[in-house]
Amino acid sequence: MTMAEVMIAAVVLGFVIMGSLTALSRAYGFTRHARMVTLAGQVVQSVMEDLRLKSFATLQTYAAQTQPVDFSSKLSTEGFASNFTQGFAISGNFTTLVASAAPQLGEISVTLTVTWSEAGTSYQRNLITRFGEKGLSDYYFAGWAP
């Protein structure tokens, strides 16, 4: 083989290796983002489940506070504290839809939001529910935004 052939083969091999490393790096970034989205969904669902166990009077107290209500301390009490959740912030917006006054039963809308940043981009995941005074509550996924 001549020196030119060896050089061409080395350059081609270099491009192949660099392309592979770039692809692996991007794949790792996508995997990390998917992990963060999944973890954010689990965290917001856990906080929502805790709220479902609260009395309607407690939810009215939250609704009377300045909005949004900070729930970031739930990360440690729910066992979610880790390197992945260090940048998470959890907040809830409580809106009284129907005031509680006999014979009218009260209804409160709750929107929980988890926000975090990755590589300089902010992301959030929301979960919305309505709580009824006599225990009627259910929630639905409203979507997430970058």
C-alpha atoms as a PDB file:
ATOM      1  CA  MET A   1       0.000   0.000   0.000  1.00  0.00           C
ATOM      2  CA  THR A   2       1.110   3.467  -0.641  1.00  0.00           C
ATOM      3  CA  MET A   3       1.213   6.190   1.945  1.00  0.00           C
ATOM      4  CA  ALA A   4      -1.699   7.991   0.231  1.00  0.00           C
ATOM      5  CA  GLU A   5      -3.956   4.952   0.602  1.00  0.00           C
ATOM      6  CA  VAL A   6      -3.111   4.654   4.285  1.00  0.00           C
ATOM      7  CA  MET A   7      -3.842   8.345   4.849  1.00  0.00           C
ATOM      8  CA  ILE A   8      -7.195   8.150   3.057  1.00  0.00           C
ATOM      9  CA  ALA A   9      -8.160   5.066   5.081  1.00  0.00           C
ATOM     10  CA  ALA A  10      -7.153   6.845   8.312  1.00  0.00           C
ATOM     11  CA  VAL A  11      -9.230   9.924   7.438  1.00  0.00           C
ATOM     12  CA  VAL A  12     -12.285   7.806   6.569  1.00  0.00           C
ATOM     13  CA  LEU A  13     -11.875   5.820   9.790  1.00  0.00           C
ATOM     14  CA  GLY A  14     -11.576   9.083  11.740  1.00  0.00           C
ATOM     15  CA  PHE A  15     -14.865  10.369  10.277  1.00  0.00           C
ATOM     16  CA  VAL A  16     -16.611   7.095  11.121  1.00  0.00           C
ATOM     17  CA  ILE A  17     -15.353   7.167  14.720  1.00  0.00           C
ATOM     18  CA  MET A  18     -16.259  10.843  15.205  1.00  0.00           C
ATOM     19  CA  GLY A  19     -19.731  10.250  13.767  1.00  0.00           C
ATOM     20  CA  SER A  20     -20.257   7.320  16.106  1.00  0.00           C
ATOM     21  CA  LEU A  21     -19.153   9.335  19.142  1.00  0.00           C
ATOM     22  CA  THR A  22     -21.478  12.182  18.203  1.00  0.00           C
ATOM     23  CA  ALA A  23     -24.389   9.773  17.783  1.00  0.00           C
ATOM     24  CA  LEU A  24     -23.669   8.161  21.162  1.00  0.00           C
ATOM     25  CA  SER A  25     -23.482  11.540  22.854  1.00  0.00           C
ATOM     26  CA  ARG A  26     -26.835  12.638  21.418  1.00  0.00           C
ATOM     27  CA  ALA A  27     -28.416   9.305  22.330  1.00  0.00           C
ATOM     28  CA  TYR A  28     -27.238   9.775  25.921  1.00  0.00           C
ATOM     29  CA  GLY A  29     -28.810  13.258  25.970  1.00  0.00           C
ATOM     30  CA  PHE A  30     -32.133  11.907  24.658  1.00  0.00           C
ATOM     31  CA  THR A  31     -32.085   9.122  27.242  1.00  0.00           C
ATOM     32  CA  ARG A  32     -31.411  11.607  30.041  1.00  0.00           C
ATOM     33  CA  HIS A  33     -34.270  13.837  28.875  1.00  0.00           C
ATOM     34  CA  ALA A  34     -36.656  10.867  28.720  1.00  0.00           C
ATOM     35  CA  ARG A  35     -35.590   9.901  32.241  1.00  0.00           C
ATOM     36  CA  MET A  36     -36.243  13.448  33.484  1.00  0.00           C
ATOM     37  CA  VAL A  37     -39.695  13.617  31.863  1.00  0.00           C
ATOM     38  CA  THR A  38     -40.626  10.272  33.411  1.00  0.00           C
ATOM     39  CA  LEU A  39     -39.318  11.290  36.823  1.00  0.00           C
ATOM     40  CA  ALA A  40     -41.180  14.611  36.654  1.00  0.00           C
ATOM     41  CA  GLY A  41     -44.395  12.748  35.878  1.00  0.00           C
ATOM     42  CA  GLN A  42     -43.858  10.419  38.829  1.00  0.00           C
ATOM     43  CA  VAL A  43     -43.135  13.311  41.187  1.00  0.00           C
ATOM     44  CA  VAL A  44     -46.200  15.333  40.180  1.00  0.00           C
ATOM     45  CA  GLN A  45     -48.398  12.236  40.405  1.00  0.00           C
ATOM     46  CA  SER A  46     -47.093  11.467  43.894  1.00  0.00           C
ATOM     47  CA  VAL A  47     -47.826  14.998  45.115  1.00  0.00           C
ATOM     48  CA  MET A  48     -51.301  14.826  43.567  1.00  0.00           C
ATOM     49  CA  GLU A  49     -51.980  11.536  45.343  1.00  0.00           C
ATOM     50  CA  ASP A  50     -50.964  13.170  48.629  1.00  0.00           C
ATOM     51  CA  LEU A  51     -53.420  15.987  47.951  1.00  0.00           C
ATOM     52  CA  ARG A  52     -56.185  13.460  47.276  1.00  0.00           C
ATOM     53  CA  LEU A  53     -55.707  12.177  50.834  1.00  0.00           C
ATOM     54  CA  LYS A  54     -56.193  15.660  52.313  1.00  0.00           C
ATOM     55  CA  SER A  55     -59.518  16.991  53.542  1.00  0.00           C
ATOM     56  CA  PHE A  56     -61.456  19.536  51.515  1.00  0.00           C
ATOM     57  CA  ALA A  57     -60.825  22.077  54.296  1.00  0.00           C
ATOM     58  CA  THR A  58     -57.064  21.681  53.759  1.00  0.00           C
ATOM     59  CA  LEU A  59     -57.512  22.301  50.043  1.00  0.00           C
ATOM     60  CA  GLN A  60     -59.558  25.421  50.842  1.00  0.00           C
ATOM     61  CA  THR A  61     -56.655  26.600  53.013  1.00  0.00           C
ATOM     62  CA  TYR A  62     -54.270  26.119  50.079  1.00  0.00           C
ATOM     63  CA  ALA A  63     -56.698  28.010  47.800  1.00  0.00           C
ATOM     64  CA  ALA A  64     -56.741  30.941  50.243  1.00  0.00           C
ATOM     65  CA  GLN A  65     -52.932  31.258  50.176  1.00  0.00           C
ATOM     66  CA  THR A  66     -50.894  33.313  47.741  1.00  0.00           C
ATOM     67  CA  GLN A  67     -50.601  31.361  44.493  1.00  0.00           C
ATOM     68  CA  PRO A  68     -48.677  29.359  43.459  1.00  0.00           C
ATOM     69  CA  VAL A  69     -48.166  27.228  46.556  1.00  0.00           C
ATOM     70  CA  ASP A  70     -44.657  25.739  46.785  1.00  0.00           C
ATOM     71  CA  PHE A  71     -44.457  21.948  47.160  1.00  0.00           C
ATOM     72  CA  SER A  72     -40.719  21.539  46.493  1.00  0.00           C
ATOM     73  CA  SER A  73     -40.196  20.146  49.998  1.00  0.00           C
ATOM     74  CA  LYS A  74     -42.193  17.080  48.909  1.00  0.00           C
ATOM     75  CA  LEU A  75     -39.145  15.895  46.956  1.00  0.00           C
ATOM     76  CA  SER A  76     -37.383  14.885  50.152  1.00  0.00           C
ATOM     77  CA  THR A  77     -40.451  13.748  52.113  1.00  0.00           C
ATOM     78  CA  GLU A  78     -41.631  11.552  49.241  1.00  0.00           C
ATOM     79  CA  GLY A  79     -38.214   9.989  48.728  1.00  0.00           C
ATOM     80  CA  PHE A  80     -37.500  11.671  45.377  1.00  0.00           C
ATOM     81  CA  ALA A  81     -34.394  13.565  46.486  1.00  0.00           C
ATOM     82  CA  SER A  82     -31.539  12.661  44.131  1.00  0.00           C
ATOM     83  CA  ASN A  83     -29.040  14.193  41.738  1.00  0.00           C
ATOM     84  CA  PHE A  84     -31.719  14.116  39.040  1.00  0.00           C
ATOM     85  CA  THR A  85     -34.293  16.065  41.067  1.00  0.00           C
ATOM     86  CA  GLN A  86     -31.950  18.745  42.427  1.00  0.00           C
ATOM     87  CA  GLY A  87     -33.217  21.285  39.888  1.00  0.00           C
ATOM     88  CA  PHE A  88     -36.900  20.368  40.224  1.00  0.00           C
ATOM     89  CA  ALA A  89     -39.377  22.946  41.516  1.00  0.00           C
ATOM     90  CA  ILE A  90     -42.952  21.879  42.309  1.00  0.00           C
ATOM     91  CA  SER A  91     -45.789  24.340  42.663  1.00  0.00           C
ATOM     92  CA  GLY A  92     -49.561  24.173  42.783  1.00  0.00           C
ATOM     93  CA  ASN A  93     -52.243  26.626  41.751  1.00  0.00           C
ATOM     94  CA  PHE A  94     -55.513  26.216  43.641  1.00  0.00           C
ATOM     95  CA  THR A  95     -58.615  27.892  42.213  1.00  0.00           C
ATOM     96  CA  THR A  96     -62.008  27.839  43.903  1.00  0.00           C
ATOM     97  CA  LEU A  97     -64.485  27.044  41.136  1.00  0.00           C
ATOM     98  CA  VAL A  98     -67.569  26.811  43.348  1.00  0.00           C
ATOM     99  CA  ALA A  99     -67.624  28.337  46.814  1.00  0.00           C
ATOM    100  CA  SER A 100     -68.729  26.052  49.610  1.00  0.00           C
ATOM    101  CA  ALA A 101     -72.044  27.319  50.978  1.00  0.00           C
ATOM    102  CA  ALA A 102     -75.022  25.179  52.017  1.00  0.00           C
ATOM    103  CA  PRO A 103     -76.620  23.570  50.099  1.00  0.00           C
ATOM    104  CA  GLN A 104     -73.984  24.155  47.386  1.00  0.00           C
ATOM    105  CA  LEU A 105     -70.972  21.829  47.533  1.00  0.00           C
ATOM    106  CA  GLY A 106     -67.585  23.398  46.902  1.00  0.00           C
ATOM    107  CA  GLU A 107     -65.229  22.578  44.047  1.00  0.00           C
ATOM    108  CA  ILE A 108     -61.535  23.424  43.712  1.00  0.00           C
ATOM    109  CA  SER A 109     -59.336  23.114  40.653  1.00  0.00           C
ATOM    110  CA  VAL A 110     -55.688  22.200  41.260  1.00  0.00           C
ATOM    111  CA  THR A 111     -52.859  22.485  38.745  1.00  0.00           C
ATOM    112  CA  LEU A 112     -49.540  21.005  39.846  1.00  0.00           C
ATOM    113  CA  THR A 113     -46.444  21.981  37.878  1.00  0.00           C
ATOM    114  CA  VAL A 114     -42.943  20.524  37.980  1.00  0.00           C
ATOM    115  CA  THR A 115     -40.262  22.630  36.292  1.00  0.00           C
ATOM    116  CA  TRP A 116     -36.616  21.853  35.599  1.00  0.00           C
ATOM    117  CA  SER A 117     -33.812  22.842  33.242  1.00  0.00           C
ATOM    118  CA  GLU A 118     -31.590  20.776  30.991  1.00  0.00           C
ATOM    119  CA  ALA A 119     -28.761  22.237  28.960  1.00  0.00           C
ATOM    120  CA  GLY A 120     -30.140  25.747  29.348  1.00  0.00           C
ATOM    121  CA  THR A 121     -33.695  24.860  28.292  1.00  0.00           C
ATOM    122  CA  SER A 122     -36.586  24.981  30.773  1.00  0.00           C
ATOM    123  CA  TYR A 123     -39.196  22.229  30.815  1.00  0.00           C
ATOM    124  CA  GLN A 124     -42.366  21.670  32.777  1.00  0.00           C
ATOM    125  CA  ARG A 125     -44.924  18.974  33.361  1.00  0.00           C
ATOM    126  CA  ASN A 126     -48.474  19.767  34.544  1.00  0.00           C
ATOM    127  CA  LEU A 127     -51.202  17.726  36.152  1.00  0.00           C
ATOM    128  CA  ILE A 128     -54.709  19.133  36.623  1.00  0.00           C
ATOM    129  CA  THR A 129     -57.543  17.897  38.797  1.00  0.00           C
ATOM    130  CA  ARG A 130     -60.741  19.046  40.436  1.00  0.00           C
ATOM    131  CA  PHE A 131     -61.675  18.269  44.001  1.00  0.00           C
ATOM    132  CA  GLY A 132     -65.289  18.141  45.165  1.00  0.00           C
ATOM    133  CA  GLU A 133     -66.299  18.855  48.729  1.00  0.00           C
ATOM    134  CA  LYS A 134     -67.839  15.441  49.289  1.00  0.00           C
ATOM    135  CA  GLY A 135     -64.879  13.502  47.926  1.00  0.00           C
ATOM    136  CA  LEU A 136     -65.502  13.554  44.185  1.00  0.00           C
ATOM    137  CA  SER A 137     -62.051  13.912  42.706  1.00  0.00           C
ATOM    138  CA  ASP A 138     -60.267  12.683  39.664  1.00  0.00           C
ATOM    139  CA  TYR A 139     -57.412  13.984  37.606  1.00  0.00           C
ATOM    140  CA  TYR A 140     -56.365  14.030  34.007  1.00  0.00           C
ATOM    141  CA  PHE A 141     -53.090  14.691  32.253  1.00  0.00           C
ATOM    142  CA  ALA A 142     -53.122  18.093  30.599  1.00  0.00           C
ATOM    143  CA  GLY A 143     -49.804  17.856  28.784  1.00  0.00           C
ATOM    144  CA  TRP A 144     -46.300  19.185  29.147  1.00  0.00           C
ATOM    145  CA  ALA A 145     -44.462  21.990  27.487  1.00  0.00           C
ATOM    146  CA  PRO A 146     -40.807  22.707  26.763  1.00  0.00           C
END
